[in-house]
Amino acid sequence: MSEKKQVPLRLKKELYDALLAWAEDDFRSLNGQIEYLLTECIRQRKKNGKYVSEHLDEAPKFDLQ
């Protein structure tokens, strides 16, 4: 089993709430969802040889309606 590192993470409330809802929809913990999304981003980057988004440095906008 690989060693896991702990990383302190601060999120805006809107992002936290959106990730938590997504995690619940996918039957994952919030930590599991974040790890899954990061893993998928790395996999996609390795596959394409570039970042998934051209705008990674821009703050995401959430539709919380």
Protein backbone atom coordinates (compact mmCIF):
# COMPACT_ATOMS: atom_id res chain seq x y z
CA MET A 1 0.00 0.00 0.00
CA SER A 2 1.37 3.43 -0.89
CA GLU A 3 2.03 6.03 1.74
CA LYS A 4 -0.48 8.90 1.90
CA LYS A 5 0.48 12.44 2.79
CA GLN A 6 -1.73 14.87 4.67
CA VAL A 7 -2.21 18.25 3.03
CA PRO A 8 -3.97 21.16 4.72
CA LEU A 9 -6.48 22.61 2.28
CA ARG A 10 -8.51 25.80 2.54
CA LEU A 11 -11.55 26.10 0.31
CA LYS A 12 -14.15 28.79 -0.19
CA LYS A 13 -17.50 27.76 1.24
CA GLU A 14 -19.12 27.64 -2.20
CA LEU A 15 -16.42 25.32 -3.55
CA TYR A 16 -16.58 23.14 -0.43
CA ASP A 17 -20.37 22.83 -0.71
CA ALA A 18 -20.21 22.02 -4.44
CA LEU A 19 -17.52 19.36 -3.90
CA LEU A 20 -19.40 17.86 -0.98
CA ALA A 21 -22.61 17.59 -3.01
CA TRP A 22 -20.69 16.02 -5.90
CA ALA A 23 -19.02 13.56 -3.54
CA GLU A 24 -22.39 12.55 -2.11
CA ASP A 25 -23.77 12.04 -5.62
CA ASP A 26 -20.82 9.75 -6.40
CA PHE A 27 -21.05 7.93 -3.02
CA ARG A 28 -17.57 9.12 -1.98
CA SER A 29 -16.20 10.99 0.99
CA LEU A 30 -15.14 14.57 0.34
CA ASN A 31 -11.50 13.53 0.68
CA GLY A 32 -12.07 10.60 -1.70
CA GLN A 33 -13.74 12.90 -4.24
CA ILE A 34 -10.89 15.42 -4.16
CA GLU A 35 -8.33 12.62 -4.53
CA TYR A 36 -10.33 11.11 -7.42
CA LEU A 37 -10.59 14.47 -9.24
CA LEU A 38 -6.89 15.22 -8.83
CA THR A 39 -5.99 11.73 -10.02
CA GLU A 40 -8.18 12.16 -13.10
CA CYS A 41 -6.60 15.53 -13.87
CA ILE A 42 -3.11 14.04 -13.67
CA ARG A 43 -4.16 11.06 -15.82
CA GLN A 44 -5.67 13.40 -18.42
CA ARG A 45 -2.58 15.61 -18.43
CA LYS A 46 -0.32 12.62 -18.97
CA LYS A 47 -2.59 11.41 -21.77
CA ASN A 48 -2.73 14.75 -23.59
CA GLY A 49 0.61 16.15 -22.54
CA LYS A 50 -1.06 19.35 -21.39
CA TYR A 51 -3.37 20.70 -18.71
CA VAL A 52 -7.07 19.86 -18.89
CA SER A 53 -8.03 23.54 -18.81
CA GLU A 54 -6.30 26.55 -20.31
CA HIS A 55 -7.63 28.66 -17.43
CA LEU A 56 -6.43 26.84 -14.30
CA ASP A 57 -5.39 30.11 -12.65
CA GLU A 58 -8.88 31.62 -12.84
CA ALA A 59 -11.26 31.24 -9.93
CA PRO A 60 -14.13 28.86 -10.76
CA LYS A 61 -17.66 30.23 -10.94
CA PHE A 62 -20.42 28.17 -9.37
CA ASP A 63 -24.09 28.18 -10.20
CA LEU A 64 -25.62 27.50 -6.80
CA GLN A 65 -29.27 27.87 -7.74
